[in-house]
Amino acid sequence: MSLFKKRKAVVQSIPEPFTVQDIRVESSICTGEKTIGFYDRSAHRLRYAELVRSEQDVLDFFAQYGETPDTETLRKLITD
């Protein structure tokens, strides 16, 4: 019996009204803190947002939903 088991990566489905094209990285005006999530056009805000500290966090966000960004999309998300 093992006390510390490695968890399997669970791939979530993309939330219903959103697509991969709705993924956006936004930066805080005050602190410069970056978050990634699905942009809700009707509410003008990010949904399911997570903190971004590095490029790996962006890749992990895509992997969480079973997607892989192409290099152009990744570059655009990181530099914005």
N, C-alpha and C. Protein backbone atom coordinates (compact mmCIF):
# COMPACT_ATOMS: atom_id res chain seq x y z
N MET A 1 0.84 -1.17 0.00
CA MET A 1 0.00 0.00 0.00
C MET A 1 0.89 1.24 0.00
N SER A 2 0.55 2.17 -0.86
CA SER A 2 1.34 3.38 -0.97
C SER A 2 0.54 4.57 -0.44
N LEU A 3 1.17 5.36 0.39
CA LEU A 3 0.48 6.53 0.93
C LEU A 3 0.42 7.67 -0.08
N PHE A 4 1.46 7.77 -0.90
CA PHE A 4 1.53 8.86 -1.85
C PHE A 4 1.50 8.32 -3.26
N LYS A 5 0.33 8.32 -3.83
CA LYS A 5 0.17 7.83 -5.19
C LYS A 5 0.21 9.00 -6.16
N LYS A 6 0.81 8.76 -7.30
CA LYS A 6 0.85 9.78 -8.32
C LYS A 6 -0.53 9.85 -8.98
N ARG A 7 -1.08 11.03 -9.01
CA ARG A 7 -2.41 11.19 -9.60
C ARG A 7 -2.30 11.21 -11.12
N LYS A 8 -3.25 10.59 -11.73
CA LYS A 8 -3.30 10.61 -13.19
C LYS A 8 -3.86 11.96 -13.63
N ALA A 9 -3.33 12.46 -14.71
CA ALA A 9 -3.81 13.73 -15.24
C ALA A 9 -5.23 13.53 -15.78
N VAL A 10 -6.14 14.31 -15.26
CA VAL A 10 -7.53 14.23 -15.69
C VAL A 10 -7.76 15.31 -16.72
N VAL A 11 -8.19 14.88 -17.91
CA VAL A 11 -8.47 15.83 -18.97
C VAL A 11 -9.93 16.25 -18.86
N GLN A 12 -10.12 17.55 -18.67
CA GLN A 12 -11.46 18.09 -18.57
C GLN A 12 -11.95 18.49 -19.96
N SER A 13 -13.26 18.50 -20.12
CA SER A 13 -13.80 19.00 -21.37
C SER A 13 -13.90 20.52 -21.28
N ILE A 14 -13.80 21.17 -22.43
CA ILE A 14 -13.91 22.62 -22.47
C ILE A 14 -15.33 23.00 -22.08
N PRO A 15 -15.49 23.99 -21.19
CA PRO A 15 -16.83 24.39 -20.75
C PRO A 15 -17.72 24.74 -21.93
N GLU A 16 -18.99 24.49 -21.79
CA GLU A 16 -19.98 24.49 -22.87
C GLU A 16 -19.97 25.69 -23.83
N PRO A 17 -20.11 26.92 -23.41
CA PRO A 17 -20.23 27.96 -24.44
C PRO A 17 -18.89 28.38 -25.05
N PHE A 18 -17.77 27.79 -24.61
CA PHE A 18 -16.45 28.25 -25.04
C PHE A 18 -15.79 27.29 -26.02
N THR A 19 -14.79 27.82 -26.74
CA THR A 19 -13.96 27.03 -27.65
C THR A 19 -12.49 27.34 -27.33
N VAL A 20 -11.59 26.67 -28.01
CA VAL A 20 -10.17 26.91 -27.82
C VAL A 20 -9.81 28.35 -28.21
N GLN A 21 -10.51 28.90 -29.18
CA GLN A 21 -10.24 30.27 -29.62
C GLN A 21 -10.60 31.30 -28.56
N ASP A 22 -11.37 30.93 -27.55
CA ASP A 22 -11.76 31.86 -26.49
C ASP A 22 -10.73 31.95 -25.37
N ILE A 23 -9.65 31.17 -25.44
CA ILE A 23 -8.62 31.22 -24.41
C ILE A 23 -7.83 32.51 -24.56
N ARG A 24 -7.66 33.22 -23.44
CA ARG A 24 -6.98 34.51 -23.47
C ARG A 24 -6.16 34.68 -22.20
N VAL A 25 -5.03 35.38 -22.34
CA VAL A 25 -4.22 35.76 -21.19
C VAL A 25 -4.42 37.25 -20.97
N GLU A 26 -4.75 37.62 -19.74
CA GLU A 26 -4.92 39.04 -19.40
C GLU A 26 -3.94 39.40 -18.30
N SER A 27 -3.53 40.66 -18.31
CA SER A 27 -2.58 41.16 -17.33
C SER A 27 -3.24 42.25 -16.48
N SER A 28 -2.97 42.22 -15.19
CA SER A 28 -3.51 43.21 -14.26
C SER A 28 -2.85 44.56 -14.50
N ILE A 29 -3.63 45.61 -14.45
CA ILE A 29 -3.09 46.96 -14.62
C ILE A 29 -2.22 47.34 -13.43
N CYS A 30 -2.63 46.99 -12.25
CA CYS A 30 -1.92 47.40 -11.03
C CYS A 30 -0.64 46.60 -10.79
N THR A 31 -0.75 45.29 -10.79
CA THR A 31 0.38 44.45 -10.38
C THR A 31 1.10 43.78 -11.54
N GLY A 32 0.49 43.75 -12.72
CA GLY A 32 1.09 43.06 -13.86
C GLY A 32 0.90 41.56 -13.80
N GLU A 33 0.14 41.09 -12.83
CA GLU A 33 -0.13 39.66 -12.68
C GLU A 33 -0.92 39.16 -13.88
N LYS A 34 -0.51 38.02 -14.44
CA LYS A 34 -1.19 37.47 -15.61
C LYS A 34 -2.08 36.31 -15.21
N THR A 35 -3.24 36.24 -15.87
CA THR A 35 -4.17 35.12 -15.69
C THR A 35 -4.58 34.60 -17.05
N ILE A 36 -4.89 33.32 -17.12
CA ILE A 36 -5.35 32.70 -18.35
C ILE A 36 -6.73 32.10 -18.08
N GLY A 37 -7.58 32.14 -19.07
CA GLY A 37 -8.91 31.58 -18.92
C GLY A 37 -9.68 31.71 -20.21
N PHE A 38 -10.96 31.41 -20.16
CA PHE A 38 -11.84 31.52 -21.31
C PHE A 38 -12.54 32.87 -21.27
N TYR A 39 -12.40 33.66 -22.33
CA TYR A 39 -12.96 35.01 -22.36
C TYR A 39 -14.45 34.93 -22.69
N ASP A 40 -15.26 35.47 -21.78
CA ASP A 40 -16.72 35.53 -21.97
C ASP A 40 -17.04 36.88 -22.60
N ARG A 41 -17.43 36.88 -23.86
CA ARG A 41 -17.67 38.12 -24.60
C ARG A 41 -18.89 38.88 -24.08
N SER A 42 -19.87 38.18 -23.58
CA SER A 42 -21.06 38.88 -23.09
C SER A 42 -20.80 39.58 -21.75
N ALA A 43 -19.98 38.98 -20.89
CA ALA A 43 -19.68 39.56 -19.59
C ALA A 43 -18.37 40.37 -19.60
N HIS A 44 -17.59 40.24 -20.68
CA HIS A 44 -16.32 40.94 -20.83
C HIS A 44 -15.35 40.63 -19.69
N ARG A 45 -15.22 39.33 -19.37
CA ARG A 45 -14.29 38.91 -18.32
C ARG A 45 -13.85 37.47 -18.56
N LEU A 46 -12.81 37.07 -17.85
CA LEU A 46 -12.31 35.70 -17.95
C LEU A 46 -13.10 34.78 -17.05
N ARG A 47 -13.41 33.63 -17.57
CA ARG A 47 -14.04 32.56 -16.78
C ARG A 47 -13.03 31.43 -16.61
N TYR A 48 -13.12 30.71 -15.52
CA TYR A 48 -12.22 29.60 -15.21
C TYR A 48 -10.76 30.06 -15.24
N ALA A 49 -10.50 31.23 -14.68
CA ALA A 49 -9.18 31.85 -14.74
C ALA A 49 -8.20 31.18 -13.78
N GLU A 50 -6.95 31.13 -14.20
CA GLU A 50 -5.86 30.59 -13.39
C GLU A 50 -4.66 31.52 -13.52
N LEU A 51 -3.83 31.56 -12.49
CA LEU A 51 -2.65 32.40 -12.46
C LEU A 51 -1.58 31.87 -13.41
N VAL A 52 -0.91 32.78 -14.13
CA VAL A 52 0.18 32.41 -15.03
C VAL A 52 1.47 33.00 -14.49
N ARG A 53 2.42 32.14 -14.18
CA ARG A 53 3.73 32.60 -13.72
C ARG A 53 4.80 32.37 -14.77
N SER A 54 4.56 31.39 -15.66
CA SER A 54 5.55 31.08 -16.69
C SER A 54 4.84 30.51 -17.92
N GLU A 55 5.62 30.28 -18.95
CA GLU A 55 5.08 29.68 -20.17
C GLU A 55 4.54 28.28 -19.89
N GLN A 56 5.14 27.58 -18.95
CA GLN A 56 4.69 26.23 -18.59
C GLN A 56 3.27 26.24 -18.04
N ASP A 57 2.90 27.28 -17.32
CA ASP A 57 1.53 27.40 -16.82
C ASP A 57 0.52 27.48 -17.96
N VAL A 58 0.89 28.17 -19.03
CA VAL A 58 0.02 28.26 -20.20
C VAL A 58 -0.12 26.89 -20.86
N LEU A 59 1.00 26.19 -21.00
CA LEU A 59 0.96 24.84 -21.58
C LEU A 59 0.13 23.89 -20.71
N ASP A 60 0.27 24.02 -19.39
CA ASP A 60 -0.51 23.18 -18.47
C ASP A 60 -2.01 23.46 -18.58
N PHE A 61 -2.37 24.73 -18.79
CA PHE A 61 -3.78 25.10 -18.94
C PHE A 61 -4.37 24.42 -20.18
N PHE A 62 -3.64 24.47 -21.28
CA PHE A 62 -4.10 23.81 -22.50
C PHE A 62 -4.19 22.30 -22.30
N ALA A 63 -3.18 21.71 -21.65
CA ALA A 63 -3.16 20.27 -21.42
C ALA A 63 -4.31 19.84 -20.52
N GLN A 64 -4.70 20.69 -19.59
CA GLN A 64 -5.82 20.40 -18.69
C GLN A 64 -7.10 20.15 -19.47
N TYR A 65 -7.23 20.80 -20.63
CA TYR A 65 -8.41 20.63 -21.47
C TYR A 65 -8.13 19.77 -22.70
N GLY A 66 -7.01 19.07 -22.70
CA GLY A 66 -6.69 18.14 -23.78
C GLY A 66 -6.31 18.80 -25.09
N GLU A 67 -5.78 20.00 -25.03
CA GLU A 67 -5.39 20.73 -26.22
C GLU A 67 -3.90 21.04 -26.18
N THR A 68 -3.32 21.32 -27.33
CA THR A 68 -1.94 21.78 -27.41
C THR A 68 -1.91 23.00 -28.31
N PRO A 69 -1.36 24.11 -27.82
CA PRO A 69 -1.31 25.31 -28.65
C PRO A 69 -0.21 25.20 -29.69
N ASP A 70 -0.45 25.76 -30.88
CA ASP A 70 0.64 25.84 -31.84
C ASP A 70 1.57 26.96 -31.41
N THR A 71 2.75 27.02 -31.99
CA THR A 71 3.77 27.97 -31.53
C THR A 71 3.33 29.42 -31.72
N GLU A 72 2.59 29.71 -32.79
CA GLU A 72 2.13 31.07 -33.02
C GLU A 72 1.14 31.51 -31.96
N THR A 73 0.20 30.65 -31.61
CA THR A 73 -0.78 30.95 -30.56
C THR A 73 -0.09 31.14 -29.23
N LEU A 74 0.85 30.27 -28.92
CA LEU A 74 1.58 30.36 -27.66
C LEU A 74 2.35 31.67 -27.58
N ARG A 75 3.03 32.03 -28.65
CA ARG A 75 3.79 33.28 -28.67
C ARG A 75 2.86 34.48 -28.48
N LYS A 76 1.70 34.45 -29.12
CA LYS A 76 0.75 35.54 -29.00
C LYS A 76 0.21 35.66 -27.57
N LEU A 77 -0.08 34.53 -26.94
CA LEU A 77 -0.62 34.55 -25.59
C LEU A 77 0.42 35.06 -24.58
N ILE A 78 1.67 34.68 -24.76
CA ILE A 78 2.70 35.06 -23.82
C ILE A 78 3.09 36.54 -23.95
N THR A 79 3.15 37.06 -25.17
CA THR A 79 3.61 38.43 -25.37
C THR A 79 2.53 39.47 -25.15
N ASP A 80 1.27 39.11 -25.18
CA ASP A 80 0.19 40.10 -24.99
C ASP A 80 0.12 40.59 -23.58
